[in-house]
């Protein structure tokens, strides 16, 4: 929760969500085909707004295989 983002939906309380960089790294860490598809989808949609240094840091922290990263996300 240290890295949580607050999302204001304008109705009701604000929601805490994990940063997209963590979500992508975690999906790659989980390793199912569905998780890889999810990670690729999130990465593709938000590629221009992601903090790539933070993403790389989370990938290293979770020991995600470099071949998996390259296959799913390409060069980051």
PDB file of N, CA and C in Angstrom:
ATOM      1  N   UNK A   1       0.817  -1.196   0.000  1.00  0.00           N
ATOM      2  CA  UNK A   1       0.000   0.000   0.000  1.00  0.00           C
ATOM      3  C   UNK A   1       0.864   1.264   0.000  1.00  0.00           C
ATOM      4  N   UNK A   2       2.168   1.090   0.200  1.00  0.00           N
ATOM      5  CA  UNK A   2       3.050   2.256   0.170  1.00  0.00           C
ATOM      6  C   UNK A   2       3.046   2.937  -1.198  1.00  0.00           C
ATOM      7  N   UNK A   3       2.843   2.157  -2.244  1.00  0.00           N
ATOM      8  CA  UNK A   3       2.868   2.692  -3.604  1.00  0.00           C
ATOM      9  C   UNK A   3       1.481   2.954  -4.168  1.00  0.00           C
ATOM     10  N   UNK A   4       0.445   2.819  -3.344  1.00  0.00           N
ATOM     11  CA  UNK A   4      -0.930   2.930  -3.827  1.00  0.00           C
ATOM     12  C   UNK A   4      -1.222   4.318  -4.391  1.00  0.00           C
ATOM     13  N   UNK A   5      -2.081   4.319  -5.399  1.00  0.00           N
ATOM     14  CA  UNK A   5      -2.563   5.561  -5.995  1.00  0.00           C
ATOM     15  C   UNK A   5      -3.997   5.770  -5.542  1.00  0.00           C
ATOM     16  N   UNK A   6      -4.378   7.003  -5.334  1.00  0.00           N
ATOM     17  CA  UNK A   6      -5.761   7.316  -5.003  1.00  0.00           C
ATOM     18  C   UNK A   6      -6.497   7.718  -6.266  1.00  0.00           C
ATOM     19  N   UNK A   7      -7.615   7.069  -6.520  1.00  0.00           N
ATOM     20  CA  UNK A   7      -8.428   7.369  -7.693  1.00  0.00           C
ATOM     21  C   UNK A   7      -9.726   7.984  -7.220  1.00  0.00           C
ATOM     22  N   UNK A   8     -10.017   9.174  -7.719  1.00  0.00           N
ATOM     23  CA  UNK A   8     -11.249   9.867  -7.361  1.00  0.00           C
ATOM     24  C   UNK A   8     -12.267   9.643  -8.471  1.00  0.00           C
ATOM     25  N   UNK A   9     -13.311   8.889  -8.170  1.00  0.00           N
ATOM     26  CA  UNK A   9     -14.347   8.588  -9.152  1.00  0.00           C
ATOM     27  C   UNK A   9     -15.455   9.636  -9.160  1.00  0.00           C
ATOM     28  N   UNK A  10     -15.284  10.682  -8.373  1.00  0.00           N
ATOM     29  CA  UNK A  10     -16.245  11.784  -8.270  1.00  0.00           C
ATOM     30  C   UNK A  10     -17.532  11.373  -7.558  1.00  0.00           C
ATOM     31  N   UNK A  11     -17.686  10.104  -7.249  1.00  0.00           N
ATOM     32  CA  UNK A  11     -18.860   9.616  -6.521  1.00  0.00           C
ATOM     33  C   UNK A  11     -18.358   8.632  -5.485  1.00  0.00           C
ATOM     34  N   UNK A  12     -18.681   8.869  -4.237  1.00  0.00           N
ATOM     35  CA  UNK A  12     -18.251   7.954  -3.185  1.00  0.00           C
ATOM     36  C   UNK A  12     -16.807   8.192  -2.786  1.00  0.00           C
ATOM     37  N   UNK A  13     -16.301   7.293  -1.961  1.00  0.00           N
ATOM     38  CA  UNK A  13     -14.928   7.460  -1.472  1.00  0.00           C
ATOM     39  C   UNK A  13     -13.896   7.210  -2.573  1.00  0.00           C
ATOM     40  N   UNK A  14     -12.704   7.743  -2.355  1.00  0.00           N
ATOM     41  CA  UNK A  14     -11.602   7.498  -3.284  1.00  0.00           C
ATOM     42  C   UNK A  14     -11.127   6.056  -3.132  1.00  0.00           C
ATOM     43  N   UNK A  15     -10.672   5.484  -4.224  1.00  0.00           N
ATOM     44  CA  UNK A  15     -10.183   4.108  -4.213  1.00  0.00           C
ATOM     45  C   UNK A  15      -8.665   4.087  -4.229  1.00  0.00           C
ATOM     46  N   UNK A  16      -8.099   3.126  -3.533  1.00  0.00           N
ATOM     47  CA  UNK A  16      -6.652   2.900  -3.590  1.00  0.00           C
ATOM     48  C   UNK A  16      -6.405   1.769  -4.582  1.00  0.00           C
ATOM     49  N   UNK A  17      -5.547   2.020  -5.551  1.00  0.00           N
ATOM     50  CA  UNK A  17      -5.178   0.983  -6.516  1.00  0.00           C
ATOM     51  C   UNK A  17      -3.664   0.915  -6.602  1.00  0.00           C
ATOM     52  N   UNK A  18      -3.184  -0.221  -7.056  1.00  0.00           N
ATOM     53  CA  UNK A  18      -1.737  -0.349  -7.228  1.00  0.00           C
ATOM     54  C   UNK A  18      -1.333   0.384  -8.497  1.00  0.00           C
ATOM     55  N   UNK A  19      -0.117   0.901  -8.524  1.00  0.00           N
ATOM     56  CA  UNK A  19       0.380   1.531  -9.747  1.00  0.00           C
ATOM     57  C   UNK A  19       0.389   0.521 -10.896  1.00  0.00           C
ATOM     58  N   UNK A  20       0.180   0.993 -12.091  1.00  0.00           N
ATOM     59  CA  UNK A  20       0.152   0.114 -13.261  1.00  0.00           C
ATOM     60  C   UNK A  20       1.471  -0.628 -13.433  1.00  0.00           C
ATOM     61  N   UNK A  21       2.570   0.014 -13.066  1.00  0.00           N
ATOM     62  CA  UNK A  21       3.885  -0.627 -13.183  1.00  0.00           C
ATOM     63  C   UNK A  21       3.953  -1.904 -12.338  1.00  0.00           C
ATOM     64  N   UNK A  22       3.359  -1.857 -11.138  1.00  0.00           N
ATOM     65  CA  UNK A  22       3.330  -3.047 -10.280  1.00  0.00           C
ATOM     66  C   UNK A  22       2.394  -4.090 -10.871  1.00  0.00           C
ATOM     67  N   UNK A  23       1.256  -3.656 -11.372  1.00  0.00           N
ATOM     68  CA  UNK A  23       0.288  -4.590 -11.952  1.00  0.00           C
ATOM     69  C   UNK A  23       0.903  -5.353 -13.120  1.00  0.00           C
ATOM     70  N   UNK A  24       1.621  -4.656 -13.980  1.00  0.00           N
ATOM     71  CA  UNK A  24       2.265  -5.297 -15.128  1.00  0.00           C
ATOM     72  C   UNK A  24       3.324  -6.293 -14.651  1.00  0.00           C
ATOM     73  N   UNK A  25       4.182  -5.856 -13.758  1.00  0.00           N
ATOM     74  CA  UNK A  25       5.244  -6.731 -13.256  1.00  0.00           C
ATOM     75  C   UNK A  25       4.659  -7.962 -12.572  1.00  0.00           C
ATOM     76  N   UNK A  26       3.619  -7.786 -11.795  1.00  0.00           N
ATOM     77  CA  UNK A  26       3.012  -8.908 -11.080  1.00  0.00           C
ATOM     78  C   UNK A  26       2.361  -9.894 -12.053  1.00  0.00           C
ATOM     79  N   UNK A  27       1.709  -9.385 -13.082  1.00  0.00           N
ATOM     80  CA  UNK A  27       1.107 -10.261 -14.088  1.00  0.00           C
ATOM     81  C   UNK A  27       2.186 -11.107 -14.773  1.00  0.00           C
ATOM     82  N   UNK A  28       3.319 -10.490 -15.074  1.00  0.00           N
ATOM     83  CA  UNK A  28       4.413 -11.242 -15.687  1.00  0.00           C
ATOM     84  C   UNK A  28       4.988 -12.264 -14.710  1.00  0.00           C
ATOM     85  N   UNK A  29       5.029 -11.904 -13.441  1.00  0.00           N
ATOM     86  CA  UNK A  29       5.512 -12.811 -12.399  1.00  0.00           C
ATOM     87  C   UNK A  29       4.592 -14.030 -12.277  1.00  0.00           C
ATOM     88  N   UNK A  30       3.272 -13.819 -12.366  1.00  0.00           N
ATOM     89  CA  UNK A  30       2.321 -14.924 -12.233  1.00  0.00           C
ATOM     90  C   UNK A  30       2.494 -15.942 -13.348  1.00  0.00           C
ATOM     91  N   UNK A  31       2.650 -15.468 -14.584  1.00  0.00           N
ATOM     92  CA  UNK A  31       3.101 -16.324 -15.659  1.00  0.00           C
ATOM     93  C   UNK A  31       2.110 -17.117 -16.476  1.00  0.00           C
ATOM     94  N   UNK A  32       0.810 -16.996 -16.256  1.00  0.00           N
ATOM     95  CA  UNK A  32      -0.114 -17.732 -17.131  1.00  0.00           C
ATOM     96  C   UNK A  32      -0.292 -16.963 -18.443  1.00  0.00           C
ATOM     97  N   UNK A  33      -0.792 -17.636 -19.451  1.00  0.00           N
ATOM     98  CA  UNK A  33      -1.035 -16.965 -20.733  1.00  0.00           C
ATOM     99  C   UNK A  33      -1.985 -15.781 -20.549  1.00  0.00           C
ATOM    100  N   UNK A  34      -3.006 -15.956 -19.717  1.00  0.00           N
ATOM    101  CA  UNK A  34      -3.959 -14.866 -19.444  1.00  0.00           C
ATOM    102  C   UNK A  34      -3.248 -13.692 -18.778  1.00  0.00           C
ATOM    103  N   UNK A  35      -2.381 -13.976 -17.829  1.00  0.00           N
ATOM    104  CA  UNK A  35      -1.624 -12.916 -17.157  1.00  0.00           C
ATOM    105  C   UNK A  35      -0.725 -12.188 -18.144  1.00  0.00           C
ATOM    106  N   UNK A  36      -0.077 -12.929 -19.035  1.00  0.00           N
ATOM    107  CA  UNK A  36       0.766 -12.303 -20.056  1.00  0.00           C
ATOM    108  C   UNK A  36      -0.061 -11.401 -20.966  1.00  0.00           C
ATOM    109  N   UNK A  37      -1.241 -11.879 -21.363  1.00  0.00           N
ATOM    110  CA  UNK A  37      -2.136 -11.061 -22.194  1.00  0.00           C
ATOM    111  C   UNK A  37      -2.551  -9.791 -21.463  1.00  0.00           C
ATOM    112  N   UNK A  38      -2.889  -9.931 -20.184  1.00  0.00           N
ATOM    113  CA  UNK A  38      -3.285  -8.762 -19.379  1.00  0.00           C
ATOM    114  C   UNK A  38      -2.145  -7.752 -19.287  1.00  0.00           C
ATOM    115  N   UNK A  39      -0.939  -8.247 -19.007  1.00  0.00           N
ATOM    116  CA  UNK A  39       0.226  -7.367 -18.884  1.00  0.00           C
ATOM    117  C   UNK A  39       0.488  -6.628 -20.190  1.00  0.00           C
ATOM    118  N   UNK A  40       0.422  -7.354 -21.300  1.00  0.00           N
ATOM    119  CA  UNK A  40       0.653  -6.744 -22.612  1.00  0.00           C
ATOM    120  C   UNK A  40      -0.402  -5.693 -22.910  1.00  0.00           C
ATOM    121  N   UNK A  41      -1.649  -5.982 -22.557  1.00  0.00           N
ATOM    122  CA  UNK A  41      -2.742  -5.041 -22.796  1.00  0.00           C
ATOM    123  C   UNK A  41      -2.557  -3.752 -21.986  1.00  0.00           C
ATOM    124  N   UNK A  42      -2.283  -3.896 -20.700  1.00  0.00           N
ATOM    125  CA  UNK A  42      -2.064  -2.714 -19.849  1.00  0.00           C
ATOM    126  C   UNK A  42      -0.877  -1.913 -20.374  1.00  0.00           C
ATOM    127  N   UNK A  43       0.201  -2.607 -20.702  1.00  0.00           N
ATOM    128  CA  UNK A  43       1.408  -1.937 -21.185  1.00  0.00           C
ATOM    129  C   UNK A  43       1.127  -1.176 -22.480  1.00  0.00           C
ATOM    130  N   UNK A  44       0.420  -1.802 -23.399  1.00  0.00           N
ATOM    131  CA  UNK A  44       0.122  -1.174 -24.691  1.00  0.00           C
ATOM    132  C   UNK A  44      -0.722   0.086 -24.519  1.00  0.00           C
ATOM    133  N   UNK A  45      -1.724   0.010 -23.681  1.00  0.00           N
ATOM    134  CA  UNK A  45      -2.622   1.153 -23.497  1.00  0.00           C
ATOM    135  C   UNK A  45      -1.927   2.320 -22.800  1.00  0.00           C
ATOM    136  N   UNK A  46      -1.122   2.028 -21.781  1.00  0.00           N
ATOM    137  CA  UNK A  46      -0.543   3.084 -20.954  1.00  0.00           C
ATOM    138  C   UNK A  46       0.948   3.311 -21.192  1.00  0.00           C
ATOM    139  N   UNK A  47       1.492   2.743 -22.261  1.00  0.00           N
ATOM    140  CA  UNK A  47       2.931   2.800 -22.537  1.00  0.00           C
ATOM    141  C   UNK A  47       3.510   4.215 -22.430  1.00  0.00           C
ATOM    142  N   UNK A  48       2.784   5.197 -22.923  1.00  0.00           N
ATOM    143  CA  UNK A  48       3.303   6.574 -22.952  1.00  0.00           C
ATOM    144  C   UNK A  48       3.261   7.278 -21.607  1.00  0.00           C
ATOM    145  N   UNK A  49       2.556   6.707 -20.639  1.00  0.00           N
ATOM    146  CA  UNK A  49       2.453   7.362 -19.330  1.00  0.00           C
ATOM    147  C   UNK A  49       3.120   6.570 -18.211  1.00  0.00           C
ATOM    148  N   UNK A  50       3.604   5.374 -18.513  1.00  0.00           N
ATOM    149  CA  UNK A  50       4.249   4.546 -17.491  1.00  0.00           C
ATOM    150  C   UNK A  50       5.628   5.087 -17.138  1.00  0.00           C
ATOM    151  N   UNK A  51       6.007   4.883 -15.909  1.00  0.00           N
ATOM    152  CA  UNK A  51       7.354   5.198 -15.449  1.00  0.00           C
ATOM    153  C   UNK A  51       8.197   3.934 -15.690  1.00  0.00           C
ATOM    154  N   UNK A  52       8.941   3.919 -16.796  1.00  0.00           N
ATOM    155  CA  UNK A  52       9.667   2.702 -17.168  1.00  0.00           C
ATOM    156  C   UNK A  52      10.757   2.335 -16.154  1.00  0.00           C
ATOM    157  N   UNK A  53      11.344   3.322 -15.517  1.00  0.00           N
ATOM    158  CA  UNK A  53      12.344   3.016 -14.483  1.00  0.00           C
ATOM    159  C   UNK A  53      11.687   2.278 -13.319  1.00  0.00           C
ATOM    160  N   UNK A  54      10.502   2.717 -12.948  1.00  0.00           N
ATOM    161  CA  UNK A  54       9.765   2.067 -11.867  1.00  0.00           C
ATOM    162  C   UNK A  54       9.341   0.660 -12.301  1.00  0.00           C
ATOM    163  N   UNK A  55       8.879   0.515 -13.545  1.00  0.00           N
ATOM    164  CA  UNK A  55       8.490  -0.800 -14.052  1.00  0.00           C
ATOM    165  C   UNK A  55       9.678  -1.752 -14.021  1.00  0.00           C
ATOM    166  N   UNK A  56      10.821  -1.301 -14.505  1.00  0.00           N
ATOM    167  CA  UNK A  56      12.016  -2.143 -14.505  1.00  0.00           C
ATOM    168  C   UNK A  56      12.407  -2.543 -13.087  1.00  0.00           C
ATOM    169  N   UNK A  57      12.280  -1.618 -12.155  1.00  0.00           N
ATOM    170  CA  UNK A  57      12.601  -1.897 -10.756  1.00  0.00           C
ATOM    171  C   UNK A  57      11.698  -2.993 -10.186  1.00  0.00           C
ATOM    172  N   UNK A  58      10.403  -2.913 -10.469  1.00  0.00           N
ATOM    173  CA  UNK A  58       9.469  -3.935  -9.984  1.00  0.00           C
ATOM    174  C   UNK A  58       9.729  -5.282 -10.656  1.00  0.00           C
ATOM    175  N   UNK A  59      10.084  -5.266 -11.936  1.00  0.00           N
ATOM    176  CA  UNK A  59      10.398  -6.512 -12.642  1.00  0.00           C
ATOM    177  C   UNK A  59      11.619  -7.190 -12.017  1.00  0.00           C
ATOM    178  N   UNK A  60      12.618  -6.402 -11.670  1.00  0.00           N
ATOM    179  CA  UNK A  60      13.816  -6.940 -11.019  1.00  0.00           C
ATOM    180  C   UNK A  60      13.463  -7.469  -9.631  1.00  0.00           C
ATOM    181  N   UNK A  61      12.677  -6.685  -8.891  1.00  0.00           N
ATOM    182  CA  UNK A  61      12.291  -7.076  -7.532  1.00  0.00           C
ATOM    183  C   UNK A  61      11.534  -8.410  -7.522  1.00  0.00           C
ATOM    184  N   UNK A  62      10.718  -8.638  -8.551  1.00  0.00           N
ATOM    185  CA  UNK A  62       9.958  -9.887  -8.641  1.00  0.00           C
ATOM    186  C   UNK A  62      10.704 -10.977  -9.401  1.00  0.00           C
ATOM    187  N   UNK A  63      11.929 -10.700  -9.819  1.00  0.00           N
ATOM    188  CA  UNK A  63      12.773 -11.660 -10.547  1.00  0.00           C
ATOM    189  C   UNK A  63      12.078 -12.219 -11.793  1.00  0.00           C
ATOM    190  N   UNK A  64      11.446 -11.330 -12.555  1.00  0.00           N
ATOM    191  CA  UNK A  64      10.793 -11.747 -13.787  1.00  0.00           C
ATOM    192  C   UNK A  64      11.874 -12.014 -14.835  1.00  0.00           C
ATOM    193  N   UNK A  65      11.768 -13.135 -15.484  1.00  0.00           N
ATOM    194  CA  UNK A  65      12.728 -13.565 -16.488  1.00  0.00           C
ATOM    195  C   UNK A  65      12.787 -12.560 -17.643  1.00  0.00           C
ATOM    196  N   UNK A  66      14.008 -12.187 -18.037  1.00  0.00           N
ATOM    197  CA  UNK A  66      14.188 -11.200 -19.117  1.00  0.00           C
ATOM    198  C   UNK A  66      13.604 -11.670 -20.436  1.00  0.00           C
ATOM    199  N   UNK A  67      13.656 -12.960 -20.702  1.00  0.00           N
ATOM    200  CA  UNK A  67      13.086 -13.493 -21.946  1.00  0.00           C
ATOM    201  C   UNK A  67      11.567 -13.318 -21.962  1.00  0.00           C
ATOM    202  N   UNK A  68      10.942 -13.483 -20.811  1.00  0.00           N
ATOM    203  CA  UNK A  68       9.491 -13.286 -20.705  1.00  0.00           C
ATOM    204  C   UNK A  68       9.157 -11.824 -20.950  1.00  0.00           C
ATOM    205  N   UNK A  69       9.904 -10.926 -20.343  1.00  0.00           N
ATOM    206  CA  UNK A  69       9.660  -9.493 -20.520  1.00  0.00           C
ATOM    207  C   UNK A  69       9.748  -9.134 -21.996  1.00  0.00           C
ATOM    208  N   UNK A  70      10.795  -9.585 -22.648  1.00  0.00           N
ATOM    209  CA  UNK A  70      10.992  -9.257 -24.059  1.00  0.00           C
ATOM    210  C   UNK A  70       9.893  -9.853 -24.929  1.00  0.00           C
ATOM    211  N   UNK A  71       9.497 -11.098 -24.634  1.00  0.00           N
ATOM    212  CA  UNK A  71       8.460 -11.762 -25.433  1.00  0.00           C
ATOM    213  C   UNK A  71       7.100 -11.079 -25.287  1.00  0.00           C
ATOM    214  N   UNK A  72       6.768 -10.660 -24.054  1.00  0.00           N
ATOM    215  CA  UNK A  72       5.446 -10.107 -23.791  1.00  0.00           C
ATOM    216  C   UNK A  72       5.376  -8.611 -24.058  1.00  0.00           C
ATOM    217  N   UNK A  73       6.399  -7.866 -23.623  1.00  0.00           N
ATOM    218  CA  UNK A  73       6.366  -6.403 -23.726  1.00  0.00           C
ATOM    219  C   UNK A  73       7.242  -5.850 -24.828  1.00  0.00           C
ATOM    220  N   UNK A  74       8.173  -6.639 -25.319  1.00  0.00           N
ATOM    221  CA  UNK A  74       9.156  -6.121 -26.259  1.00  0.00           C
ATOM    222  C   UNK A  74      10.260  -5.423 -25.491  1.00  0.00           C
ATOM    223  N   UNK A  75      10.944  -4.518 -26.146  1.00  0.00           N
ATOM    224  CA  UNK A  75      12.012  -3.756 -25.483  1.00  0.00           C
ATOM    225  C   UNK A  75      11.400  -2.621 -24.679  1.00  0.00           C
ATOM    226  N   UNK A  76      11.759  -2.555 -23.401  1.00  0.00           N
ATOM    227  CA  UNK A  76      11.264  -1.446 -22.568  1.00  0.00           C
ATOM    228  C   UNK A  76      12.414  -0.604 -22.090  1.00  0.00           C
TER     229      UNK A  76
END
